[in-house]
Amino acid sequence: MSKLQISKLTEAKAIATIWNMGAESLDPQSYVELERILKLLCGTRSINNEVIAVEQRILSGKSNHCSDCHTSDAPAYVPAPCDCDA
């Protein structure tokens, strides 16, 4: 496997963007599969969960999120796109 010549921040932004595109576009079964793959990719590429959370919050366009929003899953879990009404 070759090493990508991009920063972890750029990787996190790309993953968060793809994740959000999938949330908006895919049927539930395909979205679950995409989510599984992206979580695996984050682990394999050693992308910090907090960095993904920042990118997910930026992509949501919101300044505030509920504590149970998927963007707040870090550091224990890989954060997913915003799902709150804050």
PDB file of N, CA and C in Angstrom:
ATOM      1  N   MET A   1       0.845  -1.167   0.000  1.00  0.00           N
ATOM      2  CA  MET A   1       0.000   0.000   0.000  1.00  0.00           C
ATOM      3  C   MET A   1       0.895   1.236   0.000  1.00  0.00           C
ATOM      4  N   SER A   2       0.580   2.194  -0.850  1.00  0.00           N
ATOM      5  CA  SER A   2       1.363   3.422  -0.891  1.00  0.00           C
ATOM      6  C   SER A   2       0.826   4.410   0.131  1.00  0.00           C
ATOM      7  N   LYS A   3       1.673   5.315   0.520  1.00  0.00           N
ATOM      8  CA  LYS A   3       1.291   6.318   1.510  1.00  0.00           C
ATOM      9  C   LYS A   3       0.742   7.550   0.791  1.00  0.00           C
ATOM     10  N   LEU A   4      -0.445   7.985   1.208  1.00  0.00           N
ATOM     11  CA  LEU A   4      -1.031   9.198   0.635  1.00  0.00           C
ATOM     12  C   LEU A   4      -0.251  10.411   1.100  1.00  0.00           C
ATOM     13  N   GLN A   5      -0.034  11.329   0.221  1.00  0.00           N
ATOM     14  CA  GLN A   5       0.713  12.541   0.556  1.00  0.00           C
ATOM     15  C   GLN A   5      -0.248  13.669   0.940  1.00  0.00           C
ATOM     16  N   ILE A   6      -1.162  13.352   1.861  1.00  0.00           N
ATOM     17  CA  ILE A   6      -2.090  14.360   2.381  1.00  0.00           C
ATOM     18  C   ILE A   6      -2.103  14.279   3.902  1.00  0.00           C
ATOM     19  N   SER A   7      -2.512  15.339   4.534  1.00  0.00           N
ATOM     20  CA  SER A   7      -2.517  15.393   5.993  1.00  0.00           C
ATOM     21  C   SER A   7      -3.707  14.628   6.563  1.00  0.00           C
ATOM     22  N   LYS A   8      -3.628  14.307   7.839  1.00  0.00           N
ATOM     23  CA  LYS A   8      -4.738  13.651   8.533  1.00  0.00           C
ATOM     24  C   LYS A   8      -5.971  14.548   8.522  1.00  0.00           C
ATOM     25  N   LEU A   9      -5.773  15.855   8.602  1.00  0.00           N
ATOM     26  CA  LEU A   9      -6.899  16.791   8.558  1.00  0.00           C
ATOM     27  C   LEU A   9      -7.614  16.710   7.206  1.00  0.00           C
ATOM     28  N   THR A  10      -6.851  16.628   6.131  1.00  0.00           N
ATOM     29  CA  THR A  10      -7.442  16.498   4.795  1.00  0.00           C
ATOM     30  C   THR A  10      -8.166  15.168   4.660  1.00  0.00           C
ATOM     31  N   GLU A  11      -7.589  14.096   5.198  1.00  0.00           N
ATOM     32  CA  GLU A  11      -8.258  12.796   5.177  1.00  0.00           C
ATOM     33  C   GLU A  11      -9.571  12.856   5.949  1.00  0.00           C
ATOM     34  N   ALA A  12      -9.539  13.468   7.128  1.00  0.00           N
ATOM     35  CA  ALA A  12     -10.743  13.577   7.958  1.00  0.00           C
ATOM     36  C   ALA A  12     -11.831  14.369   7.239  1.00  0.00           C
ATOM     37  N   LYS A  13     -11.452  15.440   6.579  1.00  0.00           N
ATOM     38  CA  LYS A  13     -12.423  16.248   5.846  1.00  0.00           C
ATOM     39  C   LYS A  13     -13.052  15.448   4.708  1.00  0.00           C
ATOM     40  N   ALA A  14     -12.246  14.690   3.988  1.00  0.00           N
ATOM     41  CA  ALA A  14     -12.756  13.874   2.884  1.00  0.00           C
ATOM     42  C   ALA A  14     -13.714  12.801   3.395  1.00  0.00           C
ATOM     43  N   ILE A  15     -13.350  12.134   4.473  1.00  0.00           N
ATOM     44  CA  ILE A  15     -14.210  11.096   5.041  1.00  0.00           C
ATOM     45  C   ILE A  15     -15.527  11.691   5.527  1.00  0.00           C
ATOM     46  N   ALA A  16     -15.463  12.810   6.242  1.00  0.00           N
ATOM     47  CA  ALA A  16     -16.685  13.448   6.729  1.00  0.00           C
ATOM     48  C   ALA A  16     -17.578  13.881   5.574  1.00  0.00           C
ATOM     49  N   THR A  17     -16.987  14.385   4.509  1.00  0.00           N
ATOM     50  CA  THR A  17     -17.761  14.821   3.345  1.00  0.00           C
ATOM     51  C   THR A  17     -18.461  13.635   2.688  1.00  0.00           C
ATOM     52  N   ILE A  18     -17.742  12.543   2.477  1.00  0.00           N
ATOM     53  CA  ILE A  18     -18.342  11.349   1.884  1.00  0.00           C
ATOM     54  C   ILE A  18     -19.452  10.809   2.783  1.00  0.00           C
ATOM     55  N   TRP A  19     -19.214  10.812   4.075  1.00  0.00           N
ATOM     56  CA  TRP A  19     -20.193  10.320   5.033  1.00  0.00           C
ATOM     57  C   TRP A  19     -21.483  11.131   4.937  1.00  0.00           C
ATOM     58  N   ASN A  20     -21.349  12.447   4.866  1.00  0.00           N
ATOM     59  CA  ASN A  20     -22.523  13.313   4.764  1.00  0.00           C
ATOM     60  C   ASN A  20     -23.240  13.129   3.427  1.00  0.00           C
ATOM     61  N   MET A  21     -22.486  12.951   2.368  1.00  0.00           N
ATOM     62  CA  MET A  21     -23.103  12.697   1.063  1.00  0.00           C
ATOM     63  C   MET A  21     -23.910  11.396   1.099  1.00  0.00           C
ATOM     64  N   GLY A  22     -23.376  10.382   1.745  1.00  0.00           N
ATOM     65  CA  GLY A  22     -24.084   9.115   1.870  1.00  0.00           C
ATOM     66  C   GLY A  22     -25.347   9.247   2.691  1.00  0.00           C
ATOM     67  N   ALA A  23     -25.280  10.024   3.775  1.00  0.00           N
ATOM     68  CA  ALA A  23     -26.458  10.229   4.626  1.00  0.00           C
ATOM     69  C   ALA A  23     -27.581  10.909   3.854  1.00  0.00           C
ATOM     70  N   GLU A  24     -27.226  11.788   2.928  1.00  0.00           N
ATOM     71  CA  GLU A  24     -28.226  12.507   2.141  1.00  0.00           C
ATOM     72  C   GLU A  24     -28.728  11.707   0.945  1.00  0.00           C
ATOM     73  N   SER A  25     -27.954  10.747   0.449  1.00  0.00           N
ATOM     74  CA  SER A  25     -28.236  10.149  -0.850  1.00  0.00           C
ATOM     75  C   SER A  25     -28.575   8.665  -0.859  1.00  0.00           C
ATOM     76  N   LEU A  26     -28.122   7.919   0.114  1.00  0.00           N
ATOM     77  CA  LEU A  26     -28.234   6.458   0.040  1.00  0.00           C
ATOM     78  C   LEU A  26     -29.462   5.914   0.761  1.00  0.00           C
ATOM     79  N   ASP A  27     -29.902   4.748   0.316  1.00  0.00           N
ATOM     80  CA  ASP A  27     -30.956   4.043   1.027  1.00  0.00           C
ATOM     81  C   ASP A  27     -30.360   3.528   2.338  1.00  0.00           C
ATOM     82  N   PRO A  28     -31.198   3.199   3.331  1.00  0.00           N
ATOM     83  CA  PRO A  28     -30.669   2.822   4.653  1.00  0.00           C
ATOM     84  C   PRO A  28     -29.659   1.673   4.642  1.00  0.00           C
ATOM     85  N   GLN A  29     -29.906   0.636   3.862  1.00  0.00           N
ATOM     86  CA  GLN A  29     -28.977  -0.503   3.840  1.00  0.00           C
ATOM     87  C   GLN A  29     -27.615  -0.097   3.270  1.00  0.00           C
ATOM     88  N   SER A  30     -27.623   0.673   2.191  1.00  0.00           N
ATOM     89  CA  SER A  30     -26.360   1.130   1.600  1.00  0.00           C
ATOM     90  C   SER A  30     -25.641   2.082   2.538  1.00  0.00           C
ATOM     91  N   TYR A  31     -26.393   2.922   3.254  1.00  0.00           N
ATOM     92  CA  TYR A  31     -25.780   3.854   4.199  1.00  0.00           C
ATOM     93  C   TYR A  31     -25.082   3.096   5.327  1.00  0.00           C
ATOM     94  N   VAL A  32     -25.712   2.053   5.842  1.00  0.00           N
ATOM     95  CA  VAL A  32     -25.099   1.254   6.912  1.00  0.00           C
ATOM     96  C   VAL A  32     -23.777   0.661   6.434  1.00  0.00           C
ATOM     97  N   GLU A  33     -23.750   0.178   5.204  1.00  0.00           N
ATOM     98  CA  GLU A  33     -22.521  -0.388   4.638  1.00  0.00           C
ATOM     99  C   GLU A  33     -21.445   0.692   4.486  1.00  0.00           C
ATOM    100  N   LEU A  34     -21.837   1.864   3.999  1.00  0.00           N
ATOM    101  CA  LEU A  34     -20.887   2.977   3.872  1.00  0.00           C
ATOM    102  C   LEU A  34     -20.337   3.362   5.237  1.00  0.00           C
ATOM    103  N   GLU A  35     -21.213   3.449   6.224  1.00  0.00           N
ATOM    104  CA  GLU A  35     -20.794   3.803   7.580  1.00  0.00           C
ATOM    105  C   GLU A  35     -19.776   2.791   8.113  1.00  0.00           C
ATOM    106  N   ARG A  36     -20.018   1.516   7.890  1.00  0.00           N
ATOM    107  CA  ARG A  36     -19.098   0.469   8.337  1.00  0.00           C
ATOM    108  C   ARG A  36     -17.730   0.646   7.679  1.00  0.00           C
ATOM    109  N   ILE A  37     -17.738   0.899   6.378  1.00  0.00           N
ATOM    110  CA  ILE A  37     -16.483   1.060   5.639  1.00  0.00           C
ATOM    111  C   ILE A  37     -15.728   2.300   6.108  1.00  0.00           C
ATOM    112  N   LEU A  38     -16.434   3.398   6.319  1.00  0.00           N
ATOM    113  CA  LEU A  38     -15.764   4.623   6.746  1.00  0.00           C
ATOM    114  C   LEU A  38     -15.187   4.495   8.151  1.00  0.00           C
ATOM    115  N   LYS A  39     -15.884   3.793   9.037  1.00  0.00           N
ATOM    116  CA  LYS A  39     -15.338   3.557  10.373  1.00  0.00           C
ATOM    117  C   LYS A  39     -14.074   2.704  10.291  1.00  0.00           C
ATOM    118  N   LEU A  40     -14.095   1.698   9.429  1.00  0.00           N
ATOM    119  CA  LEU A  40     -12.915   0.855   9.219  1.00  0.00           C
ATOM    120  C   LEU A  40     -11.767   1.688   8.656  1.00  0.00           C
ATOM    121  N   LEU A  41     -12.076   2.542   7.714  1.00  0.00           N
ATOM    122  CA  LEU A  41     -11.063   3.412   7.111  1.00  0.00           C
ATOM    123  C   LEU A  41     -10.445   4.341   8.158  1.00  0.00           C
ATOM    124  N   CYS A  42     -11.262   4.897   9.026  1.00  0.00           N
ATOM    125  CA  CYS A  42     -10.741   5.774  10.089  1.00  0.00           C
ATOM    126  C   CYS A  42      -9.776   5.017  10.990  1.00  0.00           C
ATOM    127  N   GLY A  43     -10.131   3.791  11.336  1.00  0.00           N
ATOM    128  CA  GLY A  43      -9.253   2.985  12.178  1.00  0.00           C
ATOM    129  C   GLY A  43      -7.969   2.598  11.474  1.00  0.00           C
ATOM    130  N   THR A  44      -8.085   2.176  10.227  1.00  0.00           N
ATOM    131  CA  THR A  44      -6.921   1.751   9.453  1.00  0.00           C
ATOM    132  C   THR A  44      -5.967   2.901   9.195  1.00  0.00           C
ATOM    133  N   ARG A  45      -6.508   4.076   8.916  1.00  0.00           N
ATOM    134  CA  ARG A  45      -5.690   5.257   8.610  1.00  0.00           C
ATOM    135  C   ARG A  45      -5.295   6.026   9.867  1.00  0.00           C
ATOM    136  N   SER A  46      -5.722   5.563  11.046  1.00  0.00           N
ATOM    137  CA  SER A  46      -5.420   6.215  12.335  1.00  0.00           C
ATOM    138  C   SER A  46      -5.867   7.670  12.351  1.00  0.00           C
ATOM    139  N   ILE A  47      -7.093   7.882  11.915  1.00  0.00           N
ATOM    140  CA  ILE A  47      -7.649   9.234  11.924  1.00  0.00           C
ATOM    141  C   ILE A  47      -8.360   9.441  13.248  1.00  0.00           C
ATOM    142  N   ASN A  48      -7.957  10.449  13.967  1.00  0.00           N
ATOM    143  CA  ASN A  48      -8.456  10.761  15.293  1.00  0.00           C
ATOM    144  C   ASN A  48      -9.950  11.077  15.256  1.00  0.00           C
ATOM    145  N   ASN A  49     -10.709  10.476  16.171  1.00  0.00           N
ATOM    146  CA  ASN A  49     -12.155  10.703  16.231  1.00  0.00           C
ATOM    147  C   ASN A  49     -12.520  12.165  16.470  1.00  0.00           C
ATOM    148  N   GLU A  50     -11.719  12.875  17.259  1.00  0.00           N
ATOM    149  CA  GLU A  50     -12.009  14.286  17.531  1.00  0.00           C
ATOM    150  C   GLU A  50     -11.898  15.135  16.267  1.00  0.00           C
ATOM    151  N   VAL A  51     -10.967  14.784  15.382  1.00  0.00           N
ATOM    152  CA  VAL A  51     -10.803  15.524  14.125  1.00  0.00           C
ATOM    153  C   VAL A  51     -12.008  15.286  13.218  1.00  0.00           C
ATOM    154  N   ILE A  52     -12.488  14.044  13.174  1.00  0.00           N
ATOM    155  CA  ILE A  52     -13.697  13.746  12.403  1.00  0.00           C
ATOM    156  C   ILE A  52     -14.884  14.521  12.977  1.00  0.00           C
ATOM    157  N   ALA A  53     -14.978  14.597  14.302  1.00  0.00           N
ATOM    158  CA  ALA A  53     -16.083  15.327  14.945  1.00  0.00           C
ATOM    159  C   ALA A  53     -16.085  16.794  14.536  1.00  0.00           C
ATOM    160  N   VAL A  54     -14.925  17.415  14.509  1.00  0.00           N
ATOM    161  CA  VAL A  54     -14.831  18.819  14.096  1.00  0.00           C
ATOM    162  C   VAL A  54     -15.328  18.982  12.670  1.00  0.00           C
ATOM    163  N   GLU A  55     -14.894  18.099  11.788  1.00  0.00           N
ATOM    164  CA  GLU A  55     -15.317  18.183  10.383  1.00  0.00           C
ATOM    165  C   GLU A  55     -16.824  17.936  10.239  1.00  0.00           C
ATOM    166  N   GLN A  56     -17.366  16.997  11.007  1.00  0.00           N
ATOM    167  CA  GLN A  56     -18.815  16.743  10.952  1.00  0.00           C
ATOM    168  C   GLN A  56     -19.600  17.967  11.420  1.00  0.00           C
ATOM    169  N   ARG A  57     -19.109  18.632  12.464  1.00  0.00           N
ATOM    170  CA  ARG A  57     -19.796  19.832  12.952  1.00  0.00           C
ATOM    171  C   ARG A  57     -19.734  20.959  11.923  1.00  0.00           C
ATOM    172  N   ILE A  58     -18.594  21.119  11.279  1.00  0.00           N
ATOM    173  CA  ILE A  58     -18.450  22.159  10.246  1.00  0.00           C
ATOM    174  C   ILE A  58     -19.414  21.892   9.099  1.00  0.00           C
ATOM    175  N   LEU A  59     -19.473  20.645   8.633  1.00  0.00           N
ATOM    176  CA  LEU A  59     -20.339  20.298   7.513  1.00  0.00           C
ATOM    177  C   LEU A  59     -21.819  20.454   7.848  1.00  0.00           C
ATOM    178  N   SER A  60     -22.183  20.345   9.125  1.00  0.00           N
ATOM    179  CA  SER A  60     -23.591  20.482   9.510  1.00  0.00           C
ATOM    180  C   SER A  60     -24.091  21.912   9.335  1.00  0.00           C
ATOM    181  N   GLY A  61     -23.173  22.880   9.395  1.00  0.00           N
ATOM    182  CA  GLY A  61     -23.565  24.278   9.279  1.00  0.00           C
ATOM    183  C   GLY A  61     -24.166  24.852  10.549  1.00  0.00           C
ATOM    184  N   LYS A  62     -24.159  24.085  11.613  1.00  0.00           N
ATOM    185  CA  LYS A  62     -24.734  24.529  12.891  1.00  0.00           C
ATOM    186  C   LYS A  62     -23.616  24.861  13.874  1.00  0.00           C
ATOM    187  N   SER A  63     -23.884  25.818  14.759  1.00  0.00           N
ATOM    188  CA  SER A  63     -22.885  26.154  15.775  1.00  0.00           C
ATOM    189  C   SER A  63     -23.124  25.386  17.074  1.00  0.00           C
ATOM    190  N   ASN A  64     -24.348  24.901  17.292  1.00  0.00           N
ATOM    191  CA  ASN A  64     -24.681  24.158  18.510  1.00  0.00           C
ATOM    192  C   ASN A  64     -25.261  22.799  18.151  1.00  0.00           C
ATOM    193  N   HIS A  65     -24.943  21.810  18.982  1.00  0.00           N
ATOM    194  CA  HIS A  65     -25.460  20.462  18.796  1.00  0.00           C
ATOM    195  C   HIS A  65     -25.916  19.904  20.133  1.00  0.00           C
ATOM    196  N   CYS A  66     -26.934  19.042  20.116  1.00  0.00           N
ATOM    197  CA  CYS A  66     -27.394  18.358  21.316  1.00  0.00           C
ATOM    198  C   CYS A  66     -26.305  17.401  21.793  1.00  0.00           C
ATOM    199  N   SER A  67     -26.313  17.085  23.065  1.00  0.00           N
ATOM    200  CA  SER A  67     -25.285  16.188  23.603  1.00  0.00           C
ATOM    201  C   SER A  67     -25.404  14.777  23.041  1.00  0.00           C
ATOM    202  N   ASP A  68     -26.590  14.400  22.575  1.00  0.00           N
ATOM    203  CA  ASP A  68     -26.755  13.059  22.007  1.00  0.00           C
ATOM    204  C   ASP A  68     -26.660  13.033  20.475  1.00  0.00           C
ATOM    205  N   CYS A  69     -26.235  14.142  19.879  1.00  0.00           N
ATOM    206  CA  CYS A  69     -26.032  14.219  18.433  1.00  0.00           C
ATOM    207  C   CYS A  69     -24.851  13.322  18.047  1.00  0.00           C
ATOM    208  N   HIS A  70     -24.925  12.708  16.862  1.00  0.00           N
ATOM    209  CA  HIS A  70     -23.835  11.836  16.418  1.00  0.00           C
ATOM    210  C   HIS A  70     -22.503  12.568  16.265  1.00  0.00           C
ATOM    211  N   THR A  71     -22.527  13.900  16.130  1.00  0.00           N
ATOM    212  CA  THR A  71     -21.262  14.638  16.048  1.00  0.00           C
ATOM    213  C   THR A  71     -20.546  14.659  17.396  1.00  0.00           C
ATOM    214  N   SER A  72     -21.270  14.288  18.465  1.00  0.00           N
ATOM    215  CA  SER A  72     -20.697  14.302  19.817  1.00  0.00           C
ATOM    216  C   SER A  72     -20.217  12.922  20.262  1.00  0.00           C
ATOM    217  N   ASP A  73     -20.115  11.965  19.350  1.00  0.00           N
ATOM    218  CA  ASP A  73     -19.721  10.605  19.716  1.00  0.00           C
ATOM    219  C   ASP A  73     -18.240  10.451  20.045  1.00  0.00           C
ATOM    220  N   ALA A  74     -17.410  11.388  19.618  1.00  0.00           N
ATOM    221  CA  ALA A  74     -15.975  11.311  19.904  1.00  0.00           C
ATOM    222  C   ALA A  74     -15.739  11.645  21.368  1.00  0.00           C
ATOM    223  N   PRO A  75     -14.714  11.140  21.987  1.00  0.00           N
ATOM    224  CA  PRO A  75     -13.633  10.332  21.446  1.00  0.00           C
ATOM    225  C   PRO A  75     -13.902   8.833  21.472  1.00  0.00           C
ATOM    226  N   ALA A  76     -14.972   8.397  22.135  1.00  0.00           N
ATOM    227  CA  ALA A  76     -15.202   6.953  22.265  1.00  0.00           C
ATOM    228  C   ALA A  76     -15.545   6.281  20.940  1.00  0.00           C
ATOM    229  N   TYR A  77     -16.301   6.963  20.090  1.00  0.00           N
ATOM    230  CA  TYR A  77     -16.743   6.394  18.824  1.00  0.00           C
ATOM    231  C   TYR A  77     -16.422   7.353  17.675  1.00  0.00           C
ATOM    232  N   VAL A  78     -16.450   6.816  16.469  1.00  0.00           N
ATOM    233  CA  VAL A  78     -16.259   7.663  15.293  1.00  0.00           C
ATOM    234  C   VAL A  78     -17.542   8.465  15.100  1.00  0.00           C
ATOM    235  N   PRO A  79     -17.460   9.801  15.110  1.00  0.00           N
ATOM    236  CA  PRO A  79     -18.662  10.622  14.965  1.00  0.00           C
ATOM    237  C   PRO A  79     -19.255  10.537  13.565  1.00  0.00           C
ATOM    238  N   ALA A  80     -20.564  10.556  13.508  1.00  0.00           N
ATOM    239  CA  ALA A  80     -21.294  10.498  12.239  1.00  0.00           C
ATOM    240  C   ALA A  80     -21.914  11.870  11.954  1.00  0.00           C
ATOM    241  N   PRO A  81     -22.577  12.008  10.807  1.00  0.00           N
ATOM    242  CA  PRO A  81     -23.223  13.292  10.480  1.00  0.00           C
ATOM    243  C   PRO A  81     -24.250  13.706  11.535  1.00  0.00           C
ATOM    244  N   CYS A  82     -24.476  14.999  11.622  1.00  0.00           N
ATOM    245  CA  CYS A  82     -25.414  15.588  12.584  1.00  0.00           C
ATOM    246  C   CYS A  82     -26.804  14.988  12.410  1.00  0.00           C
ATOM    247  N   ASP A  83     -27.428  14.659  13.544  1.00  0.00           N
ATOM    248  CA  ASP A  83     -28.788  14.144  13.522  1.00  0.00           C
ATOM    249  C   ASP A  83     -29.658  14.824  14.573  1.00  0.00           C
ATOM    250  N   CYS A  84     -29.289  16.042  14.981  1.00  0.00           N
ATOM    251  CA  CYS A  84     -30.034  16.722  16.028  1.00  0.00           C
ATOM    252  C   CYS A  84     -30.800  17.928  15.474  1.00  0.00           C
ATOM    253  N   ASP A  85     -31.704  18.437  16.291  1.00  0.00           N
ATOM    254  CA  ASP A  85     -32.511  19.599  15.911  1.00  0.00           C
ATOM    255  C   ASP A  85     -32.079  20.849  16.670  1.00  0.00           C
ATOM    256  N   ALA A  86     -30.845  20.871  17.153  1.00  0.00           N
ATOM    257  CA  ALA A  86     -30.359  22.037  17.921  1.00  0.00           C
ATOM    258  C   ALA A  86     -30.256  23.265  17.043  1.00  0.00           C
TER     259      ALA A  86
END
